[in-house]
């Protein structure tokens, strides 16, 4: 199911997470979003909070694998299998 950017921005954080991990047409990006499952930082932010922040602020999640550098200006979130999840 493909939704408009406006429809996506109006979703609450839990619905956003479910949409991106189950219904989003770009399965590769959905797999990246799923890496946020169980994320909880020292400030009490969850993976759903991070996803909502990214959507609301035009940020994109990505992963740098196998020692690839996280791009300059990116914010690293968590270590994942042989990589780092970040947003730009």
C-alpha atoms as a PDB file:
ATOM      1  CA  UNK A   1       0.000   0.000   0.000  1.00  0.00           C
ATOM      2  CA  UNK A   2       1.533   3.288  -1.065  1.00  0.00           C
ATOM      3  CA  UNK A   3       0.547   6.437   0.787  1.00  0.00           C
ATOM      4  CA  UNK A   4       1.238  10.094   0.085  1.00  0.00           C
ATOM      5  CA  UNK A   5       3.924  11.951   2.006  1.00  0.00           C
ATOM      6  CA  UNK A   6       1.177  13.969   3.711  1.00  0.00           C
ATOM      7  CA  UNK A   7      -0.644  10.806   4.846  1.00  0.00           C
ATOM      8  CA  UNK A   8       2.597   9.380   6.194  1.00  0.00           C
ATOM      9  CA  UNK A   9       3.460  12.561   8.135  1.00  0.00           C
ATOM     10  CA  UNK A  10       0.050  12.467   9.860  1.00  0.00           C
ATOM     11  CA  UNK A  11       0.616   8.967  11.284  1.00  0.00           C
ATOM     12  CA  UNK A  12       1.483   8.424  14.931  1.00  0.00           C
ATOM     13  CA  UNK A  13       4.850   6.822  15.646  1.00  0.00           C
ATOM     14  CA  UNK A  14       3.549   3.281  16.221  1.00  0.00           C
ATOM     15  CA  UNK A  15       1.513   3.284  12.988  1.00  0.00           C
ATOM     16  CA  UNK A  16       4.524   4.669  11.105  1.00  0.00           C
ATOM     17  CA  UNK A  17       6.737   1.846  12.331  1.00  0.00           C
ATOM     18  CA  UNK A  18       4.151  -0.778  11.358  1.00  0.00           C
ATOM     19  CA  UNK A  19       3.633   0.807   7.923  1.00  0.00           C
ATOM     20  CA  UNK A  20       7.344   0.936   7.094  1.00  0.00           C
ATOM     21  CA  UNK A  21       8.048  -2.586   8.325  1.00  0.00           C
ATOM     22  CA  UNK A  22       5.029  -4.310   6.737  1.00  0.00           C
ATOM     23  CA  UNK A  23       3.363  -2.289   3.973  1.00  0.00           C
ATOM     24  CA  UNK A  24       5.963   0.135   2.584  1.00  0.00           C
ATOM     25  CA  UNK A  25       6.625  -0.568  -1.119  1.00  0.00           C
ATOM     26  CA  UNK A  26      10.428  -0.255  -0.785  1.00  0.00           C
ATOM     27  CA  UNK A  27      11.183  -3.509   1.055  1.00  0.00           C
ATOM     28  CA  UNK A  28      14.887  -2.661   1.382  1.00  0.00           C
ATOM     29  CA  UNK A  29      14.077   0.556   3.254  1.00  0.00           C
ATOM     30  CA  UNK A  30      11.522  -1.357   5.340  1.00  0.00           C
ATOM     31  CA  UNK A  31      14.281  -3.766   6.338  1.00  0.00           C
ATOM     32  CA  UNK A  32      16.456  -0.826   7.424  1.00  0.00           C
ATOM     33  CA  UNK A  33      13.583   0.615   9.480  1.00  0.00           C
ATOM     34  CA  UNK A  34      13.065  -2.788  11.117  1.00  0.00           C
ATOM     35  CA  UNK A  35      16.578  -2.483  12.608  1.00  0.00           C
ATOM     36  CA  UNK A  36      15.069   0.114  14.959  1.00  0.00           C
ATOM     37  CA  UNK A  37      12.928  -2.590  16.592  1.00  0.00           C
ATOM     38  CA  UNK A  38      13.716  -2.624  20.291  1.00  0.00           C
ATOM     39  CA  UNK A  39      15.853   0.544  20.074  1.00  0.00           C
ATOM     40  CA  UNK A  40      15.834   2.519  23.299  1.00  0.00           C
ATOM     41  CA  UNK A  41      18.445   5.160  24.078  1.00  0.00           C
ATOM     42  CA  UNK A  42      19.654   6.736  27.312  1.00  0.00           C
ATOM     43  CA  UNK A  43      17.234   9.655  26.836  1.00  0.00           C
ATOM     44  CA  UNK A  44      14.236   7.320  26.623  1.00  0.00           C
ATOM     45  CA  UNK A  45      13.826   7.595  22.846  1.00  0.00           C
ATOM     46  CA  UNK A  46      12.515   4.503  21.094  1.00  0.00           C
ATOM     47  CA  UNK A  47      12.924   3.310  17.528  1.00  0.00           C
ATOM     48  CA  UNK A  48       9.437   4.618  16.817  1.00  0.00           C
ATOM     49  CA  UNK A  49      10.484   8.060  18.124  1.00  0.00           C
ATOM     50  CA  UNK A  50      13.526   8.069  15.840  1.00  0.00           C
ATOM     51  CA  UNK A  51      11.454   7.068  12.809  1.00  0.00           C
ATOM     52  CA  UNK A  52       8.866   9.788  13.542  1.00  0.00           C
ATOM     53  CA  UNK A  53      11.684  12.343  13.900  1.00  0.00           C
ATOM     54  CA  UNK A  54      13.151  11.266  10.556  1.00  0.00           C
ATOM     55  CA  UNK A  55       9.795  11.496   8.765  1.00  0.00           C
ATOM     56  CA  UNK A  56       8.910  14.862  10.294  1.00  0.00           C
ATOM     57  CA  UNK A  57      12.341  16.330   9.478  1.00  0.00           C
ATOM     58  CA  UNK A  58      13.012  14.848   6.043  1.00  0.00           C
ATOM     59  CA  UNK A  59      15.795  12.563   7.294  1.00  0.00           C
ATOM     60  CA  UNK A  60      16.612   9.169   5.774  1.00  0.00           C
ATOM     61  CA  UNK A  61      17.766   6.050   7.604  1.00  0.00           C
ATOM     62  CA  UNK A  62      20.605   3.988   6.142  1.00  0.00           C
ATOM     63  CA  UNK A  63      23.256   1.476   7.145  1.00  0.00           C
ATOM     64  CA  UNK A  64      27.013   1.589   6.630  1.00  0.00           C
ATOM     65  CA  UNK A  65      28.217  -2.029   6.429  1.00  0.00           C
ATOM     66  CA  UNK A  66      31.613  -3.726   6.603  1.00  0.00           C
ATOM     67  CA  UNK A  67      33.603  -0.811   7.934  1.00  0.00           C
ATOM     68  CA  UNK A  68      32.172   1.722   5.509  1.00  0.00           C
ATOM     69  CA  UNK A  69      32.280   5.211   6.939  1.00  0.00           C
ATOM     70  CA  UNK A  70      29.144   6.900   8.174  1.00  0.00           C
ATOM     71  CA  UNK A  71      28.776   9.986   5.951  1.00  0.00           C
ATOM     72  CA  UNK A  72      29.865  13.347   7.284  1.00  0.00           C
ATOM     73  CA  UNK A  73      26.950  15.083   8.984  1.00  0.00           C
ATOM     74  CA  UNK A  74      25.098  11.815   9.626  1.00  0.00           C
ATOM     75  CA  UNK A  75      23.934  10.804  13.089  1.00  0.00           C
ATOM     76  CA  UNK A  76      24.942   7.278  14.091  1.00  0.00           C
ATOM     77  CA  UNK A  77      22.268   5.451  16.078  1.00  0.00           C
ATOM     78  CA  UNK A  78      23.239   1.846  16.817  1.00  0.00           C
ATOM     79  CA  UNK A  79      25.645  -0.868  15.806  1.00  0.00           C
ATOM     80  CA  UNK A  80      24.073  -3.632  13.730  1.00  0.00           C
ATOM     81  CA  UNK A  81      25.546  -6.832  12.262  1.00  0.00           C
ATOM     82  CA  UNK A  82      28.798  -5.628  10.696  1.00  0.00           C
ATOM     83  CA  UNK A  83      27.561  -2.058  10.421  1.00  0.00           C
ATOM     84  CA  UNK A  84      26.081   1.106  11.848  1.00  0.00           C
ATOM     85  CA  UNK A  85      22.508   2.376  11.495  1.00  0.00           C
ATOM     86  CA  UNK A  86      22.412   6.133  10.940  1.00  0.00           C
ATOM     87  CA  UNK A  87      20.266   8.941   9.561  1.00  0.00           C
ATOM     88  CA  UNK A  88      21.096  11.872   7.315  1.00  0.00           C
END
